[in-house]
Amino acid sequence: MARVCQLTGKKAVGGNMVSHSNHKTKRAFDVNLQRKRFFVPETGEWLTLRVSTSALKNINKNGIFACVKSARENGFLPKAKVKAAQAAAK
C-alpha cells in the first residue's frame, strides 16, 4: 500500500540530504500517516483510514463527514464505499 493520505492525497516529496560538507544526496520526505478508526454519526458506520496528522486537524475542525465527502469528491477514497454512504444519507 502506498504511503498516501486517504483524505488529503498527500504523499512523499523528494529533496536533498545535505551533509556538513554541503554534499547533497537525494532523499524522500515521507508523510506522517496514522491508521485511525472514525465513527461517522450521519451514516452510523465506522471507517478505518490512513490519514496524515494535518488531516486529523482538518477532521477536528470540520468534522469527519465533511472531510470524507470532500475526499470522495476529489477521488482520494475508493468508490465502493460511496454507495453505502449515499444510501444512508437519503
N, C-alpha and C. Protein backbone atom coordinates (compact mmCIF):
# COMPACT_ATOMS: atom_id res chain seq x y z
N MET A 1 0.84 -1.17 0.00
CA MET A 1 0.00 0.00 0.00
C MET A 1 0.88 1.24 0.00
N ALA A 2 0.55 2.18 -0.84
CA ALA A 2 1.32 3.41 -0.95
C ALA A 2 1.12 4.27 0.29
N ARG A 3 2.14 5.03 0.63
CA ARG A 3 2.04 5.92 1.78
C ARG A 3 1.41 7.23 1.32
N VAL A 4 0.08 7.19 1.17
CA VAL A 4 -0.69 8.35 0.72
C VAL A 4 -1.85 8.55 1.68
N CYS A 5 -2.10 9.79 2.06
CA CYS A 5 -3.22 10.11 2.93
C CYS A 5 -4.52 9.90 2.16
N GLN A 6 -5.49 9.21 2.77
CA GLN A 6 -6.74 8.90 2.09
C GLN A 6 -7.70 10.08 2.08
N LEU A 7 -7.46 11.11 2.86
CA LEU A 7 -8.36 12.26 2.88
C LEU A 7 -7.82 13.45 2.10
N THR A 8 -6.51 13.69 2.18
CA THR A 8 -5.94 14.86 1.51
C THR A 8 -5.13 14.51 0.27
N GLY A 9 -4.74 13.25 0.12
CA GLY A 9 -3.93 12.86 -1.04
C GLY A 9 -2.46 13.19 -0.90
N LYS A 10 -2.04 13.60 0.30
CA LYS A 10 -0.63 13.93 0.50
C LYS A 10 0.22 12.68 0.34
N LYS A 11 1.39 12.84 -0.30
CA LYS A 11 2.32 11.74 -0.46
C LYS A 11 3.74 12.26 -0.33
N ALA A 12 4.71 11.35 -0.38
CA ALA A 12 6.10 11.73 -0.17
C ALA A 12 6.58 12.68 -1.27
N VAL A 13 7.43 13.60 -0.87
CA VAL A 13 8.07 14.51 -1.81
C VAL A 13 9.58 14.30 -1.72
N GLY A 14 10.27 14.64 -2.77
CA GLY A 14 11.72 14.46 -2.83
C GLY A 14 12.46 15.70 -2.37
N GLY A 15 13.70 15.48 -1.98
CA GLY A 15 14.54 16.59 -1.56
C GLY A 15 15.97 16.13 -1.47
N ASN A 16 16.78 16.94 -0.85
CA ASN A 16 18.20 16.63 -0.69
C ASN A 16 18.55 16.46 0.77
N MET A 17 19.42 15.47 1.03
CA MET A 17 20.02 15.33 2.34
C MET A 17 21.37 16.04 2.23
N VAL A 18 21.59 17.03 3.07
CA VAL A 18 22.79 17.86 2.96
C VAL A 18 23.72 17.53 4.12
N SER A 19 24.96 17.16 3.76
CA SER A 19 25.95 16.82 4.79
C SER A 19 26.62 18.09 5.31
N HIS A 20 27.47 17.89 6.29
CA HIS A 20 28.22 19.01 6.85
C HIS A 20 29.11 19.67 5.80
N SER A 21 29.61 18.87 4.86
CA SER A 21 30.46 19.42 3.80
C SER A 21 29.64 19.94 2.63
N ASN A 22 28.32 20.03 2.81
CA ASN A 22 27.38 20.54 1.81
C ASN A 22 27.24 19.60 0.60
N HIS A 23 27.55 18.31 0.80
CA HIS A 23 27.34 17.30 -0.23
C HIS A 23 25.87 16.91 -0.21
N LYS A 24 25.25 16.88 -1.39
CA LYS A 24 23.81 16.64 -1.47
C LYS A 24 23.52 15.27 -2.09
N THR A 25 22.67 14.50 -1.42
CA THR A 25 22.17 13.24 -1.96
C THR A 25 20.65 13.24 -1.83
N LYS A 26 20.01 12.55 -2.75
CA LYS A 26 18.54 12.54 -2.78
C LYS A 26 17.95 11.76 -1.61
N ARG A 27 16.80 12.23 -1.14
CA ARG A 27 16.07 11.56 -0.08
C ARG A 27 14.60 11.85 -0.26
N ALA A 28 13.76 11.15 0.50
CA ALA A 28 12.31 11.35 0.44
C ALA A 28 11.82 11.87 1.78
N PHE A 29 10.93 12.84 1.73
CA PHE A 29 10.25 13.33 2.92
C PHE A 29 8.90 12.64 2.96
N ASP A 30 8.78 11.61 3.82
CA ASP A 30 7.54 10.85 3.91
C ASP A 30 6.47 11.62 4.68
N VAL A 31 5.23 11.23 4.45
CA VAL A 31 4.09 11.82 5.13
C VAL A 31 3.93 11.13 6.49
N ASN A 32 3.53 11.89 7.49
CA ASN A 32 3.29 11.34 8.82
C ASN A 32 1.88 10.74 8.84
N LEU A 33 1.78 9.45 8.49
CA LEU A 33 0.48 8.79 8.40
C LEU A 33 0.15 8.03 9.67
N GLN A 34 -1.12 8.06 10.05
CA GLN A 34 -1.63 7.33 11.19
C GLN A 34 -2.84 6.53 10.75
N ARG A 35 -2.97 5.31 11.24
CA ARG A 35 -4.16 4.50 10.96
C ARG A 35 -5.15 4.76 12.09
N LYS A 36 -6.32 5.33 11.73
CA LYS A 36 -7.31 5.71 12.72
C LYS A 36 -8.68 5.17 12.34
N ARG A 37 -9.48 4.89 13.38
CA ARG A 37 -10.88 4.50 13.18
C ARG A 37 -11.76 5.67 13.55
N PHE A 38 -12.70 5.98 12.67
CA PHE A 38 -13.62 7.09 12.90
C PHE A 38 -15.05 6.59 12.84
N PHE A 39 -15.89 7.10 13.73
CA PHE A 39 -17.32 6.81 13.67
C PHE A 39 -17.99 7.98 12.98
N VAL A 40 -18.75 7.67 11.92
CA VAL A 40 -19.48 8.70 11.17
C VAL A 40 -20.93 8.66 11.65
N PRO A 41 -21.36 9.62 12.47
CA PRO A 41 -22.71 9.56 13.03
C PRO A 41 -23.80 9.71 11.97
N GLU A 42 -23.52 10.42 10.89
CA GLU A 42 -24.54 10.62 9.85
C GLU A 42 -24.89 9.31 9.15
N THR A 43 -23.92 8.41 9.01
CA THR A 43 -24.17 7.13 8.34
C THR A 43 -24.25 5.98 9.33
N GLY A 44 -23.79 6.19 10.58
CA GLY A 44 -23.82 5.14 11.58
C GLY A 44 -22.80 4.04 11.35
N GLU A 45 -21.71 4.34 10.65
CA GLU A 45 -20.70 3.32 10.36
C GLU A 45 -19.33 3.76 10.84
N TRP A 46 -18.44 2.78 11.00
CA TRP A 46 -17.05 3.03 11.37
C TRP A 46 -16.20 2.98 10.11
N LEU A 47 -15.24 3.90 10.00
CA LEU A 47 -14.29 3.93 8.89
C LEU A 47 -12.89 3.82 9.46
N THR A 48 -12.08 2.97 8.87
CA THR A 48 -10.66 2.89 9.20
C THR A 48 -9.90 3.53 8.05
N LEU A 49 -9.17 4.58 8.35
CA LEU A 49 -8.48 5.34 7.32
C LEU A 49 -7.02 5.54 7.69
N ARG A 50 -6.17 5.67 6.66
CA ARG A 50 -4.78 6.09 6.85
C ARG A 50 -4.73 7.57 6.53
N VAL A 51 -4.58 8.38 7.56
CA VAL A 51 -4.65 9.83 7.38
C VAL A 51 -3.38 10.49 7.89
N SER A 52 -3.05 11.61 7.32
CA SER A 52 -1.91 12.39 7.79
C SER A 52 -2.33 13.16 9.04
N THR A 53 -1.36 13.62 9.79
CA THR A 53 -1.68 14.35 11.01
C THR A 53 -2.32 15.69 10.70
N SER A 54 -2.02 16.27 9.56
CA SER A 54 -2.70 17.51 9.18
C SER A 54 -4.16 17.23 8.83
N ALA A 55 -4.46 16.04 8.30
CA ALA A 55 -5.85 15.68 8.03
C ALA A 55 -6.61 15.48 9.34
N LEU A 56 -5.94 14.99 10.38
CA LEU A 56 -6.58 14.87 11.68
C LEU A 56 -7.00 16.24 12.21
N LYS A 57 -6.17 17.25 11.97
CA LYS A 57 -6.54 18.60 12.38
C LYS A 57 -7.75 19.10 11.59
N ASN A 58 -7.81 18.75 10.30
CA ASN A 58 -8.97 19.13 9.49
C ASN A 58 -10.24 18.44 9.98
N ILE A 59 -10.11 17.18 10.41
CA ILE A 59 -11.27 16.44 10.93
C ILE A 59 -11.76 17.08 12.22
N ASN A 60 -10.84 17.49 13.08
CA ASN A 60 -11.23 18.16 14.32
C ASN A 60 -11.94 19.48 14.04
N LYS A 61 -11.53 20.15 12.98
CA LYS A 61 -12.09 21.47 12.66
C LYS A 61 -13.42 21.35 11.92
N ASN A 62 -13.49 20.48 10.90
CA ASN A 62 -14.65 20.44 10.00
C ASN A 62 -15.59 19.27 10.25
N GLY A 63 -15.13 18.23 10.94
CA GLY A 63 -15.94 17.04 11.15
C GLY A 63 -15.58 15.95 10.15
N ILE A 64 -15.79 14.71 10.55
CA ILE A 64 -15.39 13.57 9.70
C ILE A 64 -16.26 13.47 8.46
N PHE A 65 -17.55 13.75 8.59
CA PHE A 65 -18.45 13.59 7.44
C PHE A 65 -18.09 14.55 6.32
N ALA A 66 -17.79 15.80 6.66
CA ALA A 66 -17.41 16.79 5.65
C ALA A 66 -16.08 16.44 5.00
N CYS A 67 -15.14 15.93 5.79
CA CYS A 67 -13.83 15.56 5.25
C CYS A 67 -13.93 14.36 4.32
N VAL A 68 -14.73 13.36 4.70
CA VAL A 68 -14.91 12.17 3.86
C VAL A 68 -15.63 12.56 2.57
N LYS A 69 -16.61 13.43 2.68
CA LYS A 69 -17.35 13.87 1.50
C LYS A 69 -16.44 14.58 0.50
N SER A 70 -15.58 15.48 0.99
CA SER A 70 -14.67 16.19 0.08
C SER A 70 -13.61 15.25 -0.48
N ALA A 71 -13.17 14.25 0.30
CA ALA A 71 -12.18 13.28 -0.19
C ALA A 71 -12.78 12.44 -1.31
N ARG A 72 -14.05 12.07 -1.18
CA ARG A 72 -14.70 11.28 -2.23
C ARG A 72 -14.91 12.12 -3.48
N GLU A 73 -15.22 13.39 -3.32
CA GLU A 73 -15.38 14.28 -4.48
C GLU A 73 -14.06 14.46 -5.21
N ASN A 74 -12.96 14.50 -4.46
CA ASN A 74 -11.64 14.67 -5.06
C ASN A 74 -11.02 13.37 -5.54
N GLY A 75 -11.67 12.23 -5.26
CA GLY A 75 -11.20 10.94 -5.75
C GLY A 75 -10.14 10.28 -4.90
N PHE A 76 -10.01 10.67 -3.62
CA PHE A 76 -8.99 10.08 -2.76
C PHE A 76 -9.47 8.82 -2.08
N LEU A 77 -10.79 8.65 -1.91
CA LEU A 77 -11.35 7.44 -1.29
C LEU A 77 -11.93 6.55 -2.38
N PRO A 78 -11.91 5.23 -2.18
CA PRO A 78 -12.45 4.32 -3.20
C PRO A 78 -13.96 4.51 -3.38
N LYS A 79 -14.42 4.22 -4.57
CA LYS A 79 -15.82 4.42 -4.91
C LYS A 79 -16.74 3.37 -4.30
N ALA A 80 -16.20 2.25 -3.83
CA ALA A 80 -17.03 1.17 -3.29
C ALA A 80 -17.79 1.60 -2.04
N LYS A 81 -17.20 2.48 -1.25
CA LYS A 81 -17.84 2.93 -0.03
C LYS A 81 -18.82 4.08 -0.27
N VAL A 82 -18.83 4.63 -1.47
CA VAL A 82 -19.68 5.78 -1.75
C VAL A 82 -21.15 5.37 -1.73
N LYS A 83 -21.48 4.21 -2.26
CA LYS A 83 -22.87 3.77 -2.35
C LYS A 83 -23.48 3.63 -0.97
N ALA A 84 -22.75 3.06 -0.03
CA ALA A 84 -23.29 2.88 1.32
C ALA A 84 -23.53 4.22 1.99
N ALA A 85 -22.63 5.16 1.78
CA ALA A 85 -22.79 6.47 2.39
C ALA A 85 -23.95 7.24 1.77
N GLN A 86 -24.13 7.11 0.46
CA GLN A 86 -25.24 7.80 -0.20
C GLN A 86 -26.57 7.21 0.21
N ALA A 87 -26.65 5.89 0.38
CA ALA A 87 -27.90 5.25 0.77
C ALA A 87 -28.28 5.67 2.20
N ALA A 88 -27.30 5.79 3.06
CA ALA A 88 -27.60 6.18 4.43
C ALA A 88 -27.93 7.65 4.55
N ALA A 89 -27.40 8.48 3.65
CA ALA A 89 -27.65 9.92 3.70
C ALA A 89 -29.07 10.26 3.24
N LYS A 90 -29.68 9.38 2.45
CA LYS A 90 -31.03 9.66 1.93
C LYS A 90 -32.09 9.40 2.91
